PDB file of N, CA and C in Angstrom:
ATOM      1  N   MET A   1     -12.535  14.406  11.753  1.00  0.00           N
ATOM      2  CA  MET A   1     -12.397  13.095  11.166  1.00  0.00           C
ATOM      3  C   MET A   1     -12.329  12.861  10.059  1.00  0.00           C
ATOM      4  N   THR A   2     -11.347  11.943   8.738  1.00  0.00           N
ATOM      5  CA  THR A   2     -11.576  12.166   8.083  1.00  0.00           C
ATOM      6  C   THR A   2     -10.821  10.451   8.027  1.00  0.00           C
ATOM      7  N   HIS A   3     -11.987   9.497   6.823  1.00  0.00           N
ATOM      8  CA  HIS A   3     -11.302   8.431   6.252  1.00  0.00           C
ATOM      9  C   HIS A   3     -11.988   8.299   4.612  1.00  0.00           C
ATOM     10  N   THR A   4     -11.464   6.976   4.220  1.00  0.00           N
ATOM     11  CA  THR A   4     -12.074   6.435   2.906  1.00  0.00           C
ATOM     12  C   THR A   4     -12.010   4.980   2.731  1.00  0.00           C
ATOM     13  N   ASN A   5     -12.342   4.769   2.000  1.00  0.00           N
ATOM     14  CA  ASN A   5     -12.354   3.466   1.191  1.00  0.00           C
ATOM     15  C   ASN A   5     -12.415   3.249   0.020  1.00  0.00           C
ATOM     16  N   ASP A   6     -13.027   1.847  -0.487  1.00  0.00           N
ATOM     17  CA  ASP A   6     -12.806   1.891  -1.659  1.00  0.00           C
ATOM     18  C   ASP A   6     -14.264   2.550  -2.474  1.00  0.00           C
ATOM     19  N   GLU A   7     -15.170   2.639  -1.393  1.00  0.00           N
ATOM     20  CA  GLU A   7     -16.147   3.348  -2.300  1.00  0.00           C
ATOM     21  C   GLU A   7     -16.564   4.528  -2.518  1.00  0.00           C
ATOM     22  N   SER A   8     -15.586   5.826  -1.563  1.00  0.00           N
ATOM     23  CA  SER A   8     -15.614   6.877  -1.709  1.00  0.00           C
ATOM     24  C   SER A   8     -14.282   7.105  -1.279  1.00  0.00           C
ATOM     25  N   GLY A   9     -14.303   8.671  -1.854  1.00  0.00           N
ATOM     26  CA  GLY A   9     -13.397   9.710  -1.744  1.00  0.00           C
ATOM     27  C   GLY A   9     -12.968  10.577  -0.076  1.00  0.00           C
ATOM     28  N   PHE A  10     -12.660  11.605  -0.489  1.00  0.00           N
ATOM     29  CA  PHE A  10     -12.039  12.254   1.443  1.00  0.00           C
ATOM     30  C   PHE A  10     -13.759  12.058   2.037  1.00  0.00           C
ATOM     31  N   ILE A  11     -13.469  12.175   3.145  1.00  0.00           N
ATOM     32  CA  ILE A  11     -15.347  11.952   3.696  1.00  0.00           C
ATOM     33  C   ILE A  11     -14.456  13.002   4.784  1.00  0.00           C
ATOM     34  N   TRP A  12     -15.246  14.244   5.338  1.00  0.00           N
ATOM     35  CA  TRP A  12     -14.779  14.964   6.291  1.00  0.00           C
ATOM     36  C   TRP A  12     -15.989  15.343   7.430  1.00  0.00           C
ATOM     37  N   LYS A  13     -15.961  14.424   8.758  1.00  0.00           N
ATOM     38  CA  LYS A  13     -16.548  14.417   9.564  1.00  0.00           C
ATOM     39  C   LYS A  13     -17.103  15.144  11.034  1.00  0.00           C
ATOM     40  N   ASP A  14     -17.872  16.390  11.458  1.00  0.00           N
ATOM     41  CA  ASP A  14     -17.907  17.037  12.517  1.00  0.00           C
ATOM     42  C   ASP A  14     -19.351  16.505  13.034  1.00  0.00           C
ATOM     43  N   PHE A  15     -18.946  15.069  14.244  1.00  0.00           N
ATOM     44  CA  PHE A  15     -20.630  15.022  14.318  1.00  0.00           C
ATOM     45  C   PHE A  15     -21.702  14.652  13.621  1.00  0.00           C
ATOM     46  N   SER A  16     -22.625  15.370  13.381  1.00  0.00           N
ATOM     47  CA  SER A  16     -23.438  14.922  12.947  1.00  0.00           C
ATOM     48  C   SER A  16     -23.697  15.432  10.594  1.00  0.00           C
ATOM     49  N   ARG A  17     -22.198  16.830  11.008  1.00  0.00           N
ATOM     50  CA  ARG A  17     -22.269  16.837   9.081  1.00  0.00           C
ATOM     51  C   ARG A  17     -20.837  16.406   9.148  1.00  0.00           C
ATOM     52  N   TYR A  18     -21.184  16.193   7.790  1.00  0.00           N
ATOM     53  CA  TYR A  18     -20.152  15.749   6.381  1.00  0.00           C
ATOM     54  C   TYR A  18     -20.275  16.583   5.238  1.00  0.00           C
ATOM     55  N   VAL A  19     -19.003  16.962   4.775  1.00  0.00           N
ATOM     56  CA  VAL A  19     -18.549  17.037   3.881  1.00  0.00           C
ATOM     57  C   VAL A  19     -17.572  15.662   2.572  1.00  0.00           C
ATOM     58  N   GLU A  20     -17.857  15.050   1.537  1.00  0.00           N
ATOM     59  CA  GLU A  20     -17.486  14.252   0.620  1.00  0.00           C
ATOM     60  C   GLU A  20     -16.883  15.065  -0.488  1.00  0.00           C
ATOM     61  N   VAL A  21     -15.752  14.757  -1.101  1.00  0.00           N
ATOM     62  CA  VAL A  21     -15.390  14.901  -2.291  1.00  0.00           C
ATOM     63  C   VAL A  21     -15.345  13.659  -2.617  1.00  0.00           C
ATOM     64  N   HIS A  22     -15.775  13.264  -4.367  1.00  0.00           N
ATOM     65  CA  HIS A  22     -15.141  12.018  -5.095  1.00  0.00           C
ATOM     66  C   HIS A  22     -15.329  12.279  -6.346  1.00  0.00           C
ATOM     67  N   ALA A  23     -14.235  10.882  -7.126  1.00  0.00           N
ATOM     68  CA  ALA A  23     -13.963  11.304  -8.114  1.00  0.00           C
ATOM     69  C   ALA A  23     -14.900  10.813  -9.236  1.00  0.00           C
ATOM     70  N   VAL A  24     -15.469  11.601 -10.111  1.00  0.00           N
ATOM     71  CA  VAL A  24     -16.435  11.297 -11.391  1.00  0.00           C
ATOM     72  C   VAL A  24     -15.882  11.333 -12.474  1.00  0.00           C
ATOM     73  N   ARG A  25     -16.470  10.404 -13.678  1.00  0.00           N
ATOM     74  CA  ARG A  25     -16.415  11.109 -14.518  1.00  0.00           C
ATOM     75  C   ARG A  25     -15.836  12.292 -15.177  1.00  0.00           C
ATOM     76  N   THR A  26     -16.881  13.289 -15.148  1.00  0.00           N
ATOM     77  CA  THR A  26     -16.618  14.928 -15.319  1.00  0.00           C
ATOM     78  C   THR A  26     -15.871  15.979 -14.236  1.00  0.00           C
ATOM     79  N   GLY A  27     -15.442  15.582 -13.043  1.00  0.00           N
ATOM     80  CA  GLY A  27     -14.296  15.918 -12.164  1.00  0.00           C
ATOM     81  C   GLY A  27     -14.253  15.538 -10.688  1.00  0.00           C
ATOM     82  N   TRP A  28     -14.869  16.123  -9.994  1.00  0.00           N
ATOM     83  CA  TRP A  28     -14.632  15.922  -8.441  1.00  0.00           C
ATOM     84  C   TRP A  28     -16.244  16.234  -8.427  1.00  0.00           C
ATOM     85  N   LEU A  29     -16.747  15.555  -7.240  1.00  0.00           N
ATOM     86  CA  LEU A  29     -18.176  15.493  -6.886  1.00  0.00           C
ATOM     87  C   LEU A  29     -17.969  16.046  -5.436  1.00  0.00           C
ATOM     88  N   VAL A  30     -18.510  16.932  -5.122  1.00  0.00           N
ATOM     89  CA  VAL A  30     -18.471  17.851  -3.838  1.00  0.00           C
ATOM     90  C   VAL A  30     -19.738  17.472  -2.778  1.00  0.00           C
ATOM     91  N   VAL A  31     -20.491  16.540  -2.128  1.00  0.00           N
ATOM     92  CA  VAL A  31     -21.208  16.291  -1.475  1.00  0.00           C
ATOM     93  C   VAL A  31     -21.701  16.916   0.079  1.00  0.00           C
ATOM     94  N   TRP A  32     -22.788  17.249   0.710  1.00  0.00           N
ATOM     95  CA  TRP A  32     -22.897  17.816   1.905  1.00  0.00           C
ATOM     96  C   TRP A  32     -23.562  17.803   2.785  1.00  0.00           C
ATOM     97  N   GLY A  33     -23.717  17.598   3.420  1.00  0.00           N
ATOM     98  CA  GLY A  33     -24.993  17.649   4.168  1.00  0.00           C
ATOM     99  C   GLY A  33     -24.978  17.457   5.658  1.00  0.00           C
ATOM    100  N   HIS A  34     -25.743  16.329   6.738  1.00  0.00           N
ATOM    101  CA  HIS A  34     -25.980  15.927   7.732  1.00  0.00           C
ATOM    102  C   HIS A  34     -26.588  14.463   7.920  1.00  0.00           C
ATOM    103  N   TYR A  35     -26.474  13.935   8.810  1.00  0.00           N
ATOM    104  CA  TYR A  35     -27.243  12.884   9.457  1.00  0.00           C
ATOM    105  C   TYR A  35     -28.001  12.695  10.105  1.00  0.00           C
ATOM    106  N   ALA A  36     -29.027  11.990  10.262  1.00  0.00           N
ATOM    107  CA  ALA A  36     -29.938  12.168  11.427  1.00  0.00           C
ATOM    108  C   ALA A  36     -30.582  10.775  11.923  1.00  0.00           C
ATOM    109  N   ASP A  37     -31.162  11.025  12.983  1.00  0.00           N
ATOM    110  CA  ASP A  37     -31.345   9.510  13.685  1.00  0.00           C
ATOM    111  C   ASP A  37     -30.275   8.589  13.770  1.00  0.00           C
ATOM    112  N   ALA A  38     -29.372   8.967  14.897  1.00  0.00           N
ATOM    113  CA  ALA A  38     -27.445   8.412  14.821  1.00  0.00           C
ATOM    114  C   ALA A  38     -27.174   7.430  13.636  1.00  0.00           C
ATOM    115  N   GLY A  39     -26.831   8.721  12.407  1.00  0.00           N
ATOM    116  CA  GLY A  39     -26.662   8.510  11.541  1.00  0.00           C
ATOM    117  C   GLY A  39     -27.469   7.017  10.655  1.00  0.00           C
ATOM    118  N   ALA A  40     -28.822   6.962  10.709  1.00  0.00           N
ATOM    119  CA  ALA A  40     -29.291   6.486  10.070  1.00  0.00           C
ATOM    120  C   ALA A  40     -30.375   7.097   9.319  1.00  0.00           C
ATOM    121  N   LYS A  41     -30.203   8.004   9.124  1.00  0.00           N
ATOM    122  CA  LYS A  41     -30.528   8.634   7.892  1.00  0.00           C
ATOM    123  C   LYS A  41     -29.669   9.880   7.482  1.00  0.00           C
ATOM    124  N   LYS A  42     -29.422  10.134   6.443  1.00  0.00           N
ATOM    125  CA  LYS A  42     -28.157  10.887   5.579  1.00  0.00           C
ATOM    126  C   LYS A  42     -28.827  11.901   4.813  1.00  0.00           C
ATOM    127  N   HIS A  43     -28.629  12.949   5.040  1.00  0.00           N
ATOM    128  CA  HIS A  43     -29.659  14.220   3.773  1.00  0.00           C
ATOM    129  C   HIS A  43     -28.679  15.047   3.657  1.00  0.00           C
ATOM    130  N   ILE A  44     -28.640  15.304   2.419  1.00  0.00           N
ATOM    131  CA  ILE A  44     -27.739  15.900   1.548  1.00  0.00           C
ATOM    132  C   ILE A  44     -28.278  17.397   1.602  1.00  0.00           C
ATOM    133  N   ALA A  45     -27.918  18.292   2.105  1.00  0.00           N
ATOM    134  CA  ALA A  45     -27.978  19.686   1.649  1.00  0.00           C
ATOM    135  C   ALA A  45     -27.217  20.125   0.779  1.00  0.00           C
ATOM    136  N   GLY A  46     -26.815  19.722  -0.143  1.00  0.00           N
ATOM    137  CA  GLY A  46     -26.118  20.482  -1.459  1.00  0.00           C
ATOM    138  C   GLY A  46     -25.150  18.954  -2.339  1.00  0.00           C
ATOM    139  N   ASN A  47     -24.592  19.445  -3.308  1.00  0.00           N
ATOM    140  CA  ASN A  47     -23.261  18.421  -3.845  1.00  0.00           C
ATOM    141  C   ASN A  47     -23.264  19.552  -5.520  1.00  0.00           C
ATOM    142  N   ARG A  48     -22.295  19.331  -5.886  1.00  0.00           N
ATOM    143  CA  ARG A  48     -22.008  20.447  -7.106  1.00  0.00           C
ATOM    144  C   ARG A  48     -20.653  19.936  -7.710  1.00  0.00           C
ATOM    145  N   THR A  49     -20.109  19.995  -8.885  1.00  0.00           N
ATOM    146  CA  THR A  49     -19.338  19.056  -9.528  1.00  0.00           C
ATOM    147  C   THR A  49     -18.308  20.400 -10.143  1.00  0.00           C
ATOM    148  N   TYR A  50     -17.004  20.070  -9.570  1.00  0.00           N
ATOM    149  CA  TYR A  50     -15.370  20.618 -10.293  1.00  0.00           C
ATOM    150  C   TYR A  50     -15.421  20.090 -11.163  1.00  0.00           C
ATOM    151  N   ALA A  51     -14.491  20.738 -11.962  1.00  0.00           N
ATOM    152  CA  ALA A  51     -13.593  20.030 -12.902  1.00  0.00           C
ATOM    153  C   ALA A  51     -11.966  20.117 -11.972  1.00  0.00           C
ATOM    154  N   ASP A  52     -11.766  20.924 -11.349  1.00  0.00           N
ATOM    155  CA  ASP A  52     -10.291  20.584 -10.610  1.00  0.00           C
ATOM    156  C   ASP A  52     -10.510  20.393  -9.494  1.00  0.00           C
ATOM    157  N   LEU A  53      -9.287  19.850  -8.467  1.00  0.00           N
ATOM    158  CA  LEU A  53      -8.887  19.862  -6.950  1.00  0.00           C
ATOM    159  C   LEU A  53      -9.587  20.770  -6.223  1.00  0.00           C
ATOM    160  N   ALA A  54      -8.435  21.944  -6.702  1.00  0.00           N
ATOM    161  CA  ALA A  54      -8.440  23.491  -6.389  1.00  0.00           C
ATOM    162  C   ALA A  54     -10.265  24.392  -5.828  1.00  0.00           C
ATOM    163  N   ALA A  55     -11.056  24.144  -7.229  1.00  0.00           N
ATOM    164  CA  ALA A  55     -12.069  24.506  -6.937  1.00  0.00           C
ATOM    165  C   ALA A  55     -12.854  23.334  -6.198  1.00  0.00           C
ATOM    166  N   ALA A  56     -13.002  22.457  -5.692  1.00  0.00           N
ATOM    167  CA  ALA A  56     -13.262  21.453  -4.898  1.00  0.00           C
ATOM    168  C   ALA A  56     -13.112  21.353  -3.952  1.00  0.00           C
ATOM    169  N   ARG A  57     -11.956  22.017  -3.266  1.00  0.00           N
ATOM    170  CA  ARG A  57     -10.923  22.791  -1.886  1.00  0.00           C
ATOM    171  C   ARG A  57     -11.964  23.392  -1.582  1.00  0.00           C
ATOM    172  N   ARG A  58     -12.418  24.930  -2.669  1.00  0.00           N
ATOM    173  CA  ARG A  58     -12.944  26.082  -2.208  1.00  0.00           C
ATOM    174  C   ARG A  58     -14.759  25.888  -1.026  1.00  0.00           C
ATOM    175  N   ARG A  59     -14.760  24.748  -2.305  1.00  0.00           N
ATOM    176  CA  ARG A  59     -16.682  23.805  -2.014  1.00  0.00           C
ATOM    177  C   ARG A  59     -16.598  23.159  -0.727  1.00  0.00           C
ATOM    178  N   VAL A  60     -15.046  22.326  -0.156  1.00  0.00           N
ATOM    179  CA  VAL A  60     -15.369  21.916   0.928  1.00  0.00           C
ATOM    180  C   VAL A  60     -14.632  23.032   2.189  1.00  0.00           C
ATOM    181  N   ALA A  61     -14.434  24.314   2.185  1.00  0.00           N
ATOM    182  CA  ALA A  61     -14.584  25.339   2.594  1.00  0.00           C
ATOM    183  C   ALA A  61     -15.306  25.641   3.148  1.00  0.00           C
ATOM    184  N   ASP A  62     -16.429  26.266   2.201  1.00  0.00           N
ATOM    185  CA  ASP A  62     -17.775  26.461   2.346  1.00  0.00           C
ATOM    186  C   ASP A  62     -18.531  25.632   2.780  1.00  0.00           C
ATOM    187  N   ALA A  63     -18.503  24.464   2.585  1.00  0.00           N
ATOM    188  CA  ALA A  63     -20.027  23.474   2.650  1.00  0.00           C
ATOM    189  C   ALA A  63     -19.320  23.448   4.065  1.00  0.00           C
ATOM    190  N   ALA A  64     -18.075  23.180   4.982  1.00  0.00           N
ATOM    191  CA  ALA A  64     -18.146  23.502   6.318  1.00  0.00           C
ATOM    192  C   ALA A  64     -18.386  23.976   7.194  1.00  0.00           C
ATOM    193  N   MET A  65     -18.266  25.780   6.539  1.00  0.00           N
ATOM    194  CA  MET A  65     -17.895  27.248   7.122  1.00  0.00           C
ATOM    195  C   MET A  65     -20.310  26.767   7.120  1.00  0.00           C
ATOM    196  N   GLU A  66     -20.833  26.009   6.017  1.00  0.00           N
ATOM    197  CA  GLU A  66     -22.008  26.770   6.045  1.00  0.00           C
ATOM    198  C   GLU A  66     -23.118  25.698   7.137  1.00  0.00           C
ATOM    199  N   LEU A  67     -22.294  24.622   7.571  1.00  0.00           N
ATOM    200  CA  LEU A  67     -23.118  23.148   8.572  1.00  0.00           C
ATOM    201  C   LEU A  67     -22.692  24.043   9.513  1.00  0.00           C
ATOM    202  N   THR A  68     -21.513  24.365  10.275  1.00  0.00           N
ATOM    203  CA  THR A  68     -20.892  24.493  11.865  1.00  0.00           C
ATOM    204  C   THR A  68     -20.726  25.827  12.044  1.00  0.00           C
ATOM    205  N   HIS A  69     -20.980  26.378  10.882  1.00  0.00           N
ATOM    206  CA  HIS A  69     -20.272  28.366  11.690  1.00  0.00           C
ATOM    207  C   HIS A  69     -19.563  28.652  11.860  1.00  0.00           C
ATOM    208  N   LYS A  70     -18.346  27.581  11.461  1.00  0.00           N
ATOM    209  CA  LYS A  70     -17.249  27.984  13.147  1.00  0.00           C
ATOM    210  C   LYS A  70     -15.792  27.876  11.977  1.00  0.00           C
ATOM    211  N   PRO A  71     -15.122  28.485  11.813  1.00  0.00           N
ATOM    212  CA  PRO A  71     -14.599  29.208  11.290  1.00  0.00           C
ATOM    213  C   PRO A  71     -13.231  27.692  10.660  1.00  0.00           C
ATOM    214  N   SER A  72     -13.236  27.701  12.335  1.00  0.00           N
ATOM    215  CA  SER A  72     -12.426  26.701  12.637  1.00  0.00           C
ATOM    216  C   SER A  72     -12.066  25.106  12.165  1.00  0.00           C
ATOM    217  N   LEU A  73     -13.309  24.983  12.449  1.00  0.00           N
ATOM    218  CA  LEU A  73     -13.840  23.577  11.173  1.00  0.00           C
ATOM    219  C   LEU A  73     -13.286  23.297  10.552  1.00  0.00           C
ATOM    220  N   ALA A  74     -14.197  25.060   9.822  1.00  0.00           N
ATOM    221  CA  ALA A  74     -13.569  24.811   7.853  1.00  0.00           C
ATOM    222  C   ALA A  74     -11.878  24.514   8.046  1.00  0.00           C
ATOM    223  N   GLN A  75     -10.857  25.699   8.606  1.00  0.00           N
ATOM    224  CA  GLN A  75      -9.494  25.355   8.217  1.00  0.00           C
ATOM    225  C   GLN A  75      -9.832  23.595   8.870  1.00  0.00           C
ATOM    226  N   GLU A  76      -9.839  23.659   9.666  1.00  0.00           N
ATOM    227  CA  GLU A  76      -9.791  21.668   9.838  1.00  0.00           C
ATOM    228  C   GLU A  76     -10.047  20.629   9.205  1.00  0.00           C
ATOM    229  N   ALA A  77     -11.267  21.245   7.939  1.00  0.00           N
ATOM    230  CA  ALA A  77     -11.412  20.122   6.983  1.00  0.00           C
ATOM    231  C   ALA A  77     -10.092  20.979   5.913  1.00  0.00           C
ATOM    232  N   LEU A  78     -10.295  21.861   5.220  1.00  0.00           N
ATOM    233  CA  LEU A  78      -8.758  21.869   4.574  1.00  0.00           C
ATOM    234  C   LEU A  78      -7.927  21.373   4.844  1.00  0.00           C
ATOM    235  N   GLN A  79      -7.507  21.530   6.220  1.00  0.00           N
ATOM    236  CA  GLN A  79      -5.773  20.427   6.518  1.00  0.00           C
ATOM    237  C   GLN A  79      -6.429  19.187   6.002  1.00  0.00           C
ATOM    238  N   ARG A  80      -7.163  18.591   6.231  1.00  0.00           N
ATOM    239  CA  ARG A  80      -7.498  17.246   6.209  1.00  0.00           C
ATOM    240  C   ARG A  80      -7.271  16.780   4.344  1.00  0.00           C
ATOM    241  N   PHE A  81      -7.772  17.821   4.161  1.00  0.00           N
ATOM    242  CA  PHE A  81      -8.138  17.810   2.639  1.00  0.00           C
ATOM    243  C   PHE A  81      -7.121  17.476   2.219  1.00  0.00           C
ATOM    244  N   ASP A  82      -6.145  18.795   2.371  1.00  0.00           N
ATOM    245  CA  ASP A  82      -4.627  19.143   1.888  1.00  0.00           C
ATOM    246  C   ASP A  82      -3.678  18.048   2.153  1.00  0.00           C
ATOM    247  N   GLN A  83      -3.691  17.034   3.395  1.00  0.00           N
ATOM    248  CA  GLN A  83      -2.996  15.745   3.970  1.00  0.00           C
ATOM    249  C   GLN A  83      -3.939  15.091   2.778  1.00  0.00           C
ATOM    250  N   PHE A  84      -5.278  14.650   2.210  1.00  0.00           N
ATOM    251  CA  PHE A  84      -5.591  13.295   2.244  1.00  0.00           C
ATOM    252  C   PHE A  84      -5.220  12.691   0.397  1.00  0.00           C
ATOM    253  N   PRO A  85      -4.349  11.435   0.703  1.00  0.00           N
ATOM    254  CA  PRO A  85      -3.716  11.509  -1.071  1.00  0.00           C
ATOM    255  C   PRO A  85      -5.266  11.154  -1.595  1.00  0.00           C
ATOM    256  N   PHE A  86      -4.930  12.308  -2.302  1.00  0.00           N
ATOM    257  CA  PHE A  86      -6.105  11.653  -3.970  1.00  0.00           C
ATOM    258  C   PHE A  86      -5.442  11.245  -5.180  1.00  0.00           C
ATOM    259  N   PRO A  87      -6.214  10.096  -5.411  1.00  0.00           N
ATOM    260  CA  PRO A  87      -5.524   9.210  -6.761  1.00  0.00           C
ATOM    261  C   PRO A  87      -5.767  10.374  -7.552  1.00  0.00           C
ATOM    262  N   GLN A  88      -5.202   9.422  -9.152  1.00  0.00           N
ATOM    263  CA  GLN A  88      -4.465  10.508  -9.741  1.00  0.00           C
ATOM    264  C   GLN A  88      -6.083  10.948 -10.813  1.00  0.00           C
ATOM    265  N   HIS A  89      -6.529  11.531 -11.321  1.00  0.00           N
ATOM    266  CA  HIS A  89      -7.869  11.507 -11.796  1.00  0.00           C
ATOM    267  C   HIS A  89      -7.151  12.624 -13.385  1.00  0.00           C
ATOM    268  N   GLU A  90      -8.348  12.275 -14.152  1.00  0.00           N
ATOM    269  CA  GLU A  90      -8.286  13.087 -15.629  1.00  0.00           C
ATOM    270  C   GLU A  90      -9.802  13.348 -15.625  1.00  0.00           C
ATOM    271  N   PRO A  91     -10.495  14.146 -15.822  1.00  0.00           N
ATOM    272  CA  PRO A  91     -11.435  14.430 -16.073  1.00  0.00           C
ATOM    273  C   PRO A  91     -11.657  14.584 -17.159  1.00  0.00           C
ATOM    274  N   LEU A  92     -13.003  14.057 -18.094  1.00  0.00           N
ATOM    275  CA  LEU A  92     -13.212  13.648 -19.634  1.00  0.00           C
ATOM    276  C   LEU A  92     -14.194  15.383 -19.404  1.00  0.00           C
ATOM    277  N   ASP A  93     -14.005  15.846 -20.580  1.00  0.00           N
ATOM    278  CA  ASP A  93     -15.139  16.942 -20.852  1.00  0.00           C
ATOM    279  C   ASP A  93     -16.220  17.053 -20.674  1.00  0.00           C
ATOM    280  N   ARG A  94     -17.132  18.382 -20.356  1.00  0.00           N
ATOM    281  CA  ARG A  94     -17.760  18.464 -19.676  1.00  0.00           C
ATOM    282  C   ARG A  94     -18.671  18.502 -20.964  1.00  0.00           C
ATOM    283  N   PRO A  95     -19.979  17.817 -21.122  1.00  0.00           N
ATOM    284  CA  PRO A  95     -21.117  18.167 -22.444  1.00  0.00           C
ATOM    285  C   PRO A  95     -21.439  19.495 -22.629  1.00  0.00           C
ATOM    286  N   ASP A  96     -21.710  19.718 -23.707  1.00  0.00           N
ATOM    287  CA  ASP A  96     -22.005  21.272 -23.717  1.00  0.00           C
ATOM    288  C   ASP A  96     -23.358  21.566 -22.879  1.00  0.00           C
ATOM    289  N   PRO A  97     -23.139  22.932 -22.668  1.00  0.00           N
ATOM    290  CA  PRO A  97     -25.230  22.952 -21.829  1.00  0.00           C
ATOM    291  C   PRO A  97     -26.439  22.841 -22.771  1.00  0.00           C
ATOM    292  N   LEU A  98     -27.457  22.610 -22.533  1.00  0.00           N
ATOM    293  CA  LEU A  98     -28.011  22.022 -23.252  1.00  0.00           C
ATOM    294  C   LEU A  98     -28.941  23.686 -23.991  1.00  0.00           C
TER     295      LEU A  98
END
């Protein structure tokens, strides 16, 4: 299942597992994890920011595989990602590392 609303970008769900991609100031934020207590609690397994959508796409596949352990579901997440109408987004330069 994939959906979007004004508050979020791409969201892929498989039962209690999810992967999200959101436009942020420095690029694309990918967040993945699972829901508990019938969706009442959202547990984040990981998150990472990428400068471009190609890198975020790879993380979507890796996160779906990490969560489900099924290549077919990772492929489904990628197909839905590829069909999703992402907005135009020009990330700002990342700050220098500390």
